[in-house]
């Protein structure tokens, strides 16, 4: 399966492909990178539930992506649900 969107990933392998395919250009704006990493975190969180064999590795990647957002925004990402107020 060729992944074309974050919500298409079902397995960890799909998620890795999505990250590669959907990655912004190097000169993308900070907001584009933040959106990319937030979408990755949400994707890996879903994958952790659908690909039980790789549950813990997918959860690791959730944390990694959240840390990337924190580096870009200089705000703790855990205070929100991937940037959404609530």
PDB file of N, CA and C in Angstrom:
ATOM      1  N   UNK A   1       0.845  -1.186   0.000  1.00  0.00           N
ATOM      2  CA  UNK A   1       0.000   0.000   0.000  1.00  0.00           C
ATOM      3  C   UNK A   1       0.884   1.240   0.000  1.00  0.00           C
ATOM      4  N   UNK A   2       0.572   2.177  -0.865  1.00  0.00           N
ATOM      5  CA  UNK A   2       1.274   3.453  -0.880  1.00  0.00           C
ATOM      6  C   UNK A   2       0.439   4.443  -0.082  1.00  0.00           C
ATOM      7  N   UNK A   3       1.010   4.927   1.010  1.00  0.00           N
ATOM      8  CA  UNK A   3       0.309   5.832   1.909  1.00  0.00           C
ATOM      9  C   UNK A   3       0.349   7.250   1.341  1.00  0.00           C
ATOM     10  N   UNK A   4      -0.808   7.864   1.225  1.00  0.00           N
ATOM     11  CA  UNK A   4      -0.899   9.225   0.695  1.00  0.00           C
ATOM     12  C   UNK A   4      -1.353  10.237   1.740  1.00  0.00           C
ATOM     13  N   UNK A   5      -1.761   9.762   2.926  1.00  0.00           N
ATOM     14  CA  UNK A   5      -2.236  10.645   3.983  1.00  0.00           C
ATOM     15  C   UNK A   5      -1.972   9.997   5.336  1.00  0.00           C
ATOM     16  N   UNK A   6      -1.838  10.830   6.360  1.00  0.00           N
ATOM     17  CA  UNK A   6      -1.565  10.317   7.700  1.00  0.00           C
ATOM     18  C   UNK A   6      -2.645   9.345   8.172  1.00  0.00           C
ATOM     19  N   UNK A   7      -3.894   9.613   7.828  1.00  0.00           N
ATOM     20  CA  UNK A   7      -4.978   8.772   8.330  1.00  0.00           C
ATOM     21  C   UNK A   7      -5.099   7.423   7.625  1.00  0.00           C
ATOM     22  N   UNK A   8      -4.286   7.187   6.608  1.00  0.00           N
ATOM     23  CA  UNK A   8      -4.291   5.890   5.921  1.00  0.00           C
ATOM     24  C   UNK A   8      -3.389   4.863   6.600  1.00  0.00           C
ATOM     25  N   UNK A   9      -2.504   5.301   7.460  1.00  0.00           N
ATOM     26  CA  UNK A   9      -1.555   4.385   8.096  1.00  0.00           C
ATOM     27  C   UNK A   9      -2.268   3.480   9.091  1.00  0.00           C
ATOM     28  N   UNK A  10      -2.021   2.177   8.954  1.00  0.00           N
ATOM     29  CA  UNK A  10      -2.606   1.186   9.853  1.00  0.00           C
ATOM     30  C   UNK A  10      -1.502   0.468  10.626  1.00  0.00           C
ATOM     31  N   UNK A  11      -0.374   0.256   9.974  1.00  0.00           N
ATOM     32  CA  UNK A  11       0.755  -0.429  10.611  1.00  0.00           C
ATOM     33  C   UNK A  11       1.905   0.555  10.802  1.00  0.00           C
ATOM     34  N   UNK A  12       2.879   0.132  11.592  1.00  0.00           N
ATOM     35  CA  UNK A  12       4.053   0.969  11.792  1.00  0.00           C
ATOM     36  C   UNK A  12       4.794   1.173  10.476  1.00  0.00           C
ATOM     37  N   UNK A  13       4.832   0.157   9.634  1.00  0.00           N
ATOM     38  CA  UNK A  13       5.467   0.294   8.323  1.00  0.00           C
ATOM     39  C   UNK A  13       4.747   1.344   7.483  1.00  0.00           C
ATOM     40  N   UNK A  14       3.417   1.362   7.536  1.00  0.00           N
ATOM     41  CA  UNK A  14       2.646   2.388   6.830  1.00  0.00           C
ATOM     42  C   UNK A  14       3.000   3.778   7.354  1.00  0.00           C
ATOM     43  N   UNK A  15       3.105   3.886   8.671  1.00  0.00           N
ATOM     44  CA  UNK A  15       3.406   5.177   9.287  1.00  0.00           C
ATOM     45  C   UNK A  15       4.778   5.683   8.865  1.00  0.00           C
ATOM     46  N   UNK A  16       5.750   4.798   8.836  1.00  0.00           N
ATOM     47  CA  UNK A  16       7.089   5.201   8.402  1.00  0.00           C
ATOM     48  C   UNK A  16       7.058   5.702   6.961  1.00  0.00           C
ATOM     49  N   UNK A  17       6.287   5.020   6.125  1.00  0.00           N
ATOM     50  CA  UNK A  17       6.160   5.443   4.732  1.00  0.00           C
ATOM     51  C   UNK A  17       5.483   6.812   4.652  1.00  0.00           C
ATOM     52  N   UNK A  18       4.441   7.006   5.456  1.00  0.00           N
ATOM     53  CA  UNK A  18       3.728   8.286   5.458  1.00  0.00           C
ATOM     54  C   UNK A  18       4.665   9.430   5.840  1.00  0.00           C
ATOM     55  N   UNK A  19       5.494   9.212   6.837  1.00  0.00           N
ATOM     56  CA  UNK A  19       6.435  10.247   7.265  1.00  0.00           C
ATOM     57  C   UNK A  19       7.367  10.621   6.112  1.00  0.00           C
ATOM     58  N   UNK A  20       7.817   9.629   5.378  1.00  0.00           N
ATOM     59  CA  UNK A  20       8.713   9.877   4.253  1.00  0.00           C
ATOM     60  C   UNK A  20       7.990  10.600   3.115  1.00  0.00           C
ATOM     61  N   UNK A  21       6.802  10.124   2.766  1.00  0.00           N
ATOM     62  CA  UNK A  21       6.050  10.660   1.628  1.00  0.00           C
ATOM     63  C   UNK A  21       5.521  12.070   1.910  1.00  0.00           C
ATOM     64  N   UNK A  22       5.070  12.318   3.134  1.00  0.00           N
ATOM     65  CA  UNK A  22       4.398  13.577   3.468  1.00  0.00           C
ATOM     66  C   UNK A  22       5.321  14.644   4.049  1.00  0.00           C
ATOM     67  N   UNK A  23       6.577  14.325   4.190  1.00  0.00           N
ATOM     68  CA  UNK A  23       7.546  15.254   4.789  1.00  0.00           C
ATOM     69  C   UNK A  23       7.601  16.566   4.003  1.00  0.00           C
ATOM     70  N   UNK A  24       7.520  17.708   4.704  1.00  0.00           N
ATOM     71  CA  UNK A  24       7.618  19.006   4.015  1.00  0.00           C
ATOM     72  C   UNK A  24       9.014  19.217   3.426  1.00  0.00           C
ATOM     73  N   UNK A  25       9.091  20.163   2.516  1.00  0.00           N
ATOM     74  CA  UNK A  25      10.396  20.519   1.947  1.00  0.00           C
ATOM     75  C   UNK A  25      11.272  21.132   3.030  1.00  0.00           C
ATOM     76  N   UNK A  26      12.558  21.060   2.866  1.00  0.00           N
ATOM     77  CA  UNK A  26      13.504  21.557   3.866  1.00  0.00           C
ATOM     78  C   UNK A  26      13.237  23.019   4.218  1.00  0.00           C
ATOM     79  N   UNK A  27      12.835  23.807   3.220  1.00  0.00           N
ATOM     80  CA  UNK A  27      12.623  25.234   3.457  1.00  0.00           C
ATOM     81  C   UNK A  27      11.179  25.568   3.838  1.00  0.00           C
ATOM     82  N   UNK A  28      10.417  24.578   4.282  1.00  0.00           N
ATOM     83  CA  UNK A  28       9.033  24.806   4.702  1.00  0.00           C
ATOM     84  C   UNK A  28       9.010  25.726   5.917  1.00  0.00           C
ATOM     85  N   UNK A  29       7.890  26.390   6.113  1.00  0.00           N
ATOM     86  CA  UNK A  29       7.745  27.298   7.253  1.00  0.00           C
ATOM     87  C   UNK A  29       7.674  26.502   8.556  1.00  0.00           C
ATOM     88  N   UNK A  30       7.922  27.194   9.634  1.00  0.00           N
ATOM     89  CA  UNK A  30       7.839  26.554  10.946  1.00  0.00           C
ATOM     90  C   UNK A  30       6.448  25.990  11.184  1.00  0.00           C
ATOM     91  N   UNK A  31       5.425  26.727  10.790  1.00  0.00           N
ATOM     92  CA  UNK A  31       4.061  26.240  11.008  1.00  0.00           C
ATOM     93  C   UNK A  31       3.785  24.968  10.201  1.00  0.00           C
ATOM     94  N   UNK A  32       4.371  24.841   9.016  1.00  0.00           N
ATOM     95  CA  UNK A  32       4.215  23.607   8.235  1.00  0.00           C
ATOM     96  C   UNK A  32       4.886  22.444   8.945  1.00  0.00           C
ATOM     97  N   UNK A  33       6.064  22.674   9.508  1.00  0.00           N
ATOM     98  CA  UNK A  33       6.770  21.614  10.231  1.00  0.00           C
ATOM     99  C   UNK A  33       6.009  21.225  11.496  1.00  0.00           C
ATOM    100  N   UNK A  34       5.471  22.214  12.204  1.00  0.00           N
ATOM    101  CA  UNK A  34       4.699  21.922  13.416  1.00  0.00           C
ATOM    102  C   UNK A  34       3.480  21.082  13.059  1.00  0.00           C
ATOM    103  N   UNK A  35       2.766  21.465  12.020  1.00  0.00           N
ATOM    104  CA  UNK A  35       1.588  20.701  11.596  1.00  0.00           C
ATOM    105  C   UNK A  35       1.977  19.283  11.203  1.00  0.00           C
ATOM    106  N   UNK A  36       3.090  19.128  10.510  1.00  0.00           N
ATOM    107  CA  UNK A  36       3.576  17.809  10.100  1.00  0.00           C
ATOM    108  C   UNK A  36       3.851  16.930  11.317  1.00  0.00           C
ATOM    109  N   UNK A  37       4.572  17.464  12.292  1.00  0.00           N
ATOM    110  CA  UNK A  37       4.917  16.668  13.471  1.00  0.00           C
ATOM    111  C   UNK A  37       3.682  16.345  14.316  1.00  0.00           C
ATOM    112  N   UNK A  38       2.737  17.269  14.403  1.00  0.00           N
ATOM    113  CA  UNK A  38       1.498  16.988  15.139  1.00  0.00           C
ATOM    114  C   UNK A  38       0.695  15.898  14.446  1.00  0.00           C
ATOM    115  N   UNK A  39       0.621  15.969  13.142  1.00  0.00           N
ATOM    116  CA  UNK A  39      -0.093  14.927  12.385  1.00  0.00           C
ATOM    117  C   UNK A  39       0.601  13.578  12.559  1.00  0.00           C
ATOM    118  N   UNK A  40       1.926  13.586  12.583  1.00  0.00           N
ATOM    119  CA  UNK A  40       2.679  12.347  12.813  1.00  0.00           C
ATOM    120  C   UNK A  40       2.357  11.773  14.187  1.00  0.00           C
ATOM    121  N   UNK A  41       2.336  12.626  15.204  1.00  0.00           N
ATOM    122  CA  UNK A  41       2.056  12.150  16.563  1.00  0.00           C
ATOM    123  C   UNK A  41       0.677  11.503  16.628  1.00  0.00           C
ATOM    124  N   UNK A  42      -0.316  12.156  16.042  1.00  0.00           N
ATOM    125  CA  UNK A  42      -1.670  11.592  16.039  1.00  0.00           C
ATOM    126  C   UNK A  42      -1.705  10.269  15.272  1.00  0.00           C
ATOM    127  N   UNK A  43      -0.984  10.222  14.164  1.00  0.00           N
ATOM    128  CA  UNK A  43      -0.933   9.000  13.361  1.00  0.00           C
ATOM    129  C   UNK A  43      -0.307   7.855  14.162  1.00  0.00           C
ATOM    130  N   UNK A  44       0.824   8.115  14.792  1.00  0.00           N
ATOM    131  CA  UNK A  44       1.484   7.065  15.563  1.00  0.00           C
ATOM    132  C   UNK A  44       0.621   6.608  16.737  1.00  0.00           C
ATOM    133  N   UNK A  45      -0.142   7.529  17.319  1.00  0.00           N
ATOM    134  CA  UNK A  45      -1.030   7.141  18.415  1.00  0.00           C
ATOM    135  C   UNK A  45      -2.106   6.176  17.911  1.00  0.00           C
ATOM    136  N   UNK A  46      -2.663   6.442  16.730  1.00  0.00           N
ATOM    137  CA  UNK A  46      -3.641   5.522  16.140  1.00  0.00           C
ATOM    138  C   UNK A  46      -2.994   4.184  15.805  1.00  0.00           C
ATOM    139  N   UNK A  47      -1.794   4.238  15.236  1.00  0.00           N
ATOM    140  CA  UNK A  47      -1.087   3.021  14.845  1.00  0.00           C
ATOM    141  C   UNK A  47      -0.771   2.157  16.070  1.00  0.00           C
ATOM    142  N   UNK A  48      -0.504   2.782  17.194  1.00  0.00           N
ATOM    143  CA  UNK A  48      -0.217   2.026  18.416  1.00  0.00           C
ATOM    144  C   UNK A  48      -1.393   1.119  18.785  1.00  0.00           C
ATOM    145  N   UNK A  49      -2.598   1.532  18.415  1.00  0.00           N
ATOM    146  CA  UNK A  49      -3.783   0.727  18.698  1.00  0.00           C
ATOM    147  C   UNK A  49      -4.076  -0.296  17.604  1.00  0.00           C
ATOM    148  N   UNK A  50      -3.758   0.013  16.368  1.00  0.00           N
ATOM    149  CA  UNK A  50      -4.090  -0.902  15.264  1.00  0.00           C
ATOM    150  C   UNK A  50      -2.998  -1.920  14.970  1.00  0.00           C
ATOM    151  N   UNK A  51      -1.760  -1.604  15.345  1.00  0.00           N
ATOM    152  CA  UNK A  51      -0.632  -2.517  15.095  1.00  0.00           C
ATOM    153  C   UNK A  51      -0.054  -2.926  16.451  1.00  0.00           C
ATOM    154  N   UNK A  52      -0.769  -3.831  17.115  1.00  0.00           N
ATOM    155  CA  UNK A  52      -0.395  -4.232  18.473  1.00  0.00           C
ATOM    156  C   UNK A  52       1.018  -4.800  18.562  1.00  0.00           C
ATOM    157  N   UNK A  53       1.481  -5.413  17.500  1.00  0.00           N
ATOM    158  CA  UNK A  53       2.828  -5.989  17.498  1.00  0.00           C
ATOM    159  C   UNK A  53       3.893  -4.903  17.684  1.00  0.00           C
ATOM    160  N   UNK A  54       3.573  -3.675  17.245  1.00  0.00           N
ATOM    161  CA  UNK A  54       4.511  -2.557  17.351  1.00  0.00           C
ATOM    162  C   UNK A  54       3.972  -1.438  18.248  1.00  0.00           C
ATOM    163  N   UNK A  55       3.097  -1.817  19.168  1.00  0.00           N
ATOM    164  CA  UNK A  55       2.442  -0.848  20.063  1.00  0.00           C
ATOM    165  C   UNK A  55       3.439   0.081  20.746  1.00  0.00           C
ATOM    166  N   UNK A  56       4.416  -0.481  21.414  1.00  0.00           N
ATOM    167  CA  UNK A  56       5.334   0.340  22.211  1.00  0.00           C
ATOM    168  C   UNK A  56       6.256   1.182  21.339  1.00  0.00           C
ATOM    169  N   UNK A  57       6.669   0.666  20.216  1.00  0.00           N
ATOM    170  CA  UNK A  57       7.505   1.453  19.316  1.00  0.00           C
ATOM    171  C   UNK A  57       6.712   2.638  18.755  1.00  0.00           C
ATOM    172  N   UNK A  58       5.458   2.405  18.414  1.00  0.00           N
ATOM    173  CA  UNK A  58       4.617   3.500  17.920  1.00  0.00           C
ATOM    174  C   UNK A  58       4.441   4.568  18.999  1.00  0.00           C
ATOM    175  N   UNK A  59       4.264   4.143  20.254  1.00  0.00           N
ATOM    176  CA  UNK A  59       4.148   5.119  21.345  1.00  0.00           C
ATOM    177  C   UNK A  59       5.437   5.909  21.532  1.00  0.00           C
ATOM    178  N   UNK A  60       6.581   5.261  21.326  1.00  0.00           N
ATOM    179  CA  UNK A  60       7.856   5.991  21.365  1.00  0.00           C
ATOM    180  C   UNK A  60       7.815   7.123  20.345  1.00  0.00           C
ATOM    181  N   UNK A  61       7.349   6.827  19.133  1.00  0.00           N
ATOM    182  CA  UNK A  61       7.324   7.825  18.062  1.00  0.00           C
ATOM    183  C   UNK A  61       6.331   8.941  18.357  1.00  0.00           C
ATOM    184  N   UNK A  62       5.261   8.660  19.098  1.00  0.00           N
ATOM    185  CA  UNK A  62       4.346   9.724  19.539  1.00  0.00           C
ATOM    186  C   UNK A  62       5.142  10.738  20.353  1.00  0.00           C
ATOM    187  N   UNK A  63       5.889  10.244  21.326  1.00  0.00           N
ATOM    188  CA  UNK A  63       6.694  11.125  22.165  1.00  0.00           C
ATOM    189  C   UNK A  63       7.746  11.876  21.384  1.00  0.00           C
ATOM    190  N   UNK A  64       8.387  11.204  20.461  1.00  0.00           N
ATOM    191  CA  UNK A  64       9.411  11.844  19.629  1.00  0.00           C
ATOM    192  C   UNK A  64       8.811  13.011  18.851  1.00  0.00           C
ATOM    193  N   UNK A  65       7.671  12.761  18.214  1.00  0.00           N
ATOM    194  CA  UNK A  65       7.036  13.812  17.411  1.00  0.00           C
ATOM    195  C   UNK A  65       6.590  14.979  18.288  1.00  0.00           C
ATOM    196  N   UNK A  66       6.090  14.695  19.470  1.00  0.00           N
ATOM    197  CA  UNK A  66       5.691  15.763  20.389  1.00  0.00           C
ATOM    198  C   UNK A  66       6.904  16.594  20.813  1.00  0.00           C
ATOM    199  N   UNK A  67       8.039  15.937  21.030  1.00  0.00           N
ATOM    200  CA  UNK A  67       9.262  16.679  21.384  1.00  0.00           C
ATOM    201  C   UNK A  67       9.719  17.567  20.234  1.00  0.00           C
ATOM    202  N   UNK A  68       9.520  17.124  18.998  1.00  0.00           N
ATOM    203  CA  UNK A  68       9.883  17.953  17.847  1.00  0.00           C
ATOM    204  C   UNK A  68       9.034  19.227  17.819  1.00  0.00           C
ATOM    205  N   UNK A  69       7.753  19.080  18.121  1.00  0.00           N
ATOM    206  CA  UNK A  69       6.872  20.252  18.170  1.00  0.00           C
ATOM    207  C   UNK A  69       7.325  21.190  19.279  1.00  0.00           C
ATOM    208  N   UNK A  70       7.674  20.630  20.430  1.00  0.00           N
ATOM    209  CA  UNK A  70       8.139  21.460  21.543  1.00  0.00           C
ATOM    210  C   UNK A  70       9.389  22.242  21.175  1.00  0.00           C
ATOM    211  N   UNK A  71      10.289  21.620  20.435  1.00  0.00           N
ATOM    212  CA  UNK A  71      11.503  22.319  19.998  1.00  0.00           C
ATOM    213  C   UNK A  71      11.166  23.479  19.073  1.00  0.00           C
ATOM    214  N   UNK A  72      10.181  23.272  18.207  1.00  0.00           N
ATOM    215  CA  UNK A  72       9.807  24.304  17.240  1.00  0.00           C
ATOM    216  C   UNK A  72       8.985  25.430  17.859  1.00  0.00           C
ATOM    217  N   UNK A  73       8.147  25.105  18.836  1.00  0.00           N
ATOM    218  CA  UNK A  73       7.249  26.104  19.424  1.00  0.00           C
ATOM    219  C   UNK A  73       7.736  26.617  20.770  1.00  0.00           C
ATOM    220  N   UNK A  74       8.662  25.894  21.363  1.00  0.00           N
ATOM    221  CA  UNK A  74       9.181  26.210  22.702  1.00  0.00           C
ATOM    222  C   UNK A  74       8.079  26.198  23.763  1.00  0.00           C
ATOM    223  N   UNK A  75       7.064  25.342  23.524  1.00  0.00           N
ATOM    224  CA  UNK A  75       5.966  25.157  24.472  1.00  0.00           C
ATOM    225  C   UNK A  75       5.777  23.674  24.725  1.00  0.00           C
ATOM    226  N   UNK A  76       5.450  23.291  25.961  1.00  0.00           N
ATOM    227  CA  UNK A  76       5.202  21.872  26.234  1.00  0.00           C
ATOM    228  C   UNK A  76       3.992  21.366  25.464  1.00  0.00           C
ATOM    229  N   UNK A  77       4.187  20.399  24.594  1.00  0.00           N
ATOM    230  CA  UNK A  77       3.110  19.877  23.752  1.00  0.00           C
ATOM    231  C   UNK A  77       2.114  19.042  24.538  1.00  0.00           C
ATOM    232  N   UNK A  78       2.512  18.498  25.675  1.00  0.00           N
ATOM    233  CA  UNK A  78       1.610  17.629  26.424  1.00  0.00           C
ATOM    234  C   UNK A  78       0.429  18.390  27.004  1.00  0.00           C
ATOM    235  N   UNK A  79       0.472  19.704  27.017  1.00  0.00           N
ATOM    236  CA  UNK A  79      -0.630  20.490  27.581  1.00  0.00           C
ATOM    237  C   UNK A  79      -1.845  20.527  26.664  1.00  0.00           C
ATOM    238  N   UNK A  80      -1.677  20.115  25.439  1.00  0.00           N
ATOM    239  CA  UNK A  80      -2.796  20.127  24.507  1.00  0.00           C
ATOM    240  C   UNK A  80      -2.846  18.796  23.768  1.00  0.00           C
ATOM    241  N   UNK A  81      -3.903  18.593  23.045  1.00  0.00           N
ATOM    242  CA  UNK A  81      -4.038  17.382  22.238  1.00  0.00           C
ATOM    243  C   UNK A  81      -3.573  17.699  20.839  1.00  0.00           C
ATOM    244  N   UNK A  82      -2.263  17.634  20.618  1.00  0.00           N
ATOM    245  CA  UNK A  82      -1.662  17.908  19.328  1.00  0.00           C
ATOM    246  C   UNK A  82      -2.054  19.281  18.812  1.00  0.00           C
ATOM    247  N   UNK A  83      -2.051  20.279  19.719  1.00  0.00           N
ATOM    248  CA  UNK A  83      -2.268  21.647  19.301  1.00  0.00           C
ATOM    249  C   UNK A  83      -3.695  22.121  19.368  1.00  0.00           C
ATOM    250  N   UNK A  84      -4.623  21.228  19.609  1.00  0.00           N
ATOM    251  CA  UNK A  84      -6.023  21.637  19.684  1.00  0.00           C
ATOM    252  C   UNK A  84      -6.375  21.982  21.124  1.00  0.00           C
ATOM    253  N   UNK A  85      -7.038  23.082  21.319  1.00  0.00           N
ATOM    254  CA  UNK A  85      -7.454  23.478  22.659  1.00  0.00           C
ATOM    255  C   UNK A  85      -8.537  22.524  23.151  1.00  0.00           C
ATOM    256  N   UNK A  86      -8.482  22.231  24.420  1.00  0.00           N
ATOM    257  CA  UNK A  86      -9.540  21.349  24.911  1.00  0.00           C
ATOM    258  C   UNK A  86      -9.276  20.736  26.185  1.00  0.00           C
TER     259      UNK A  86
END
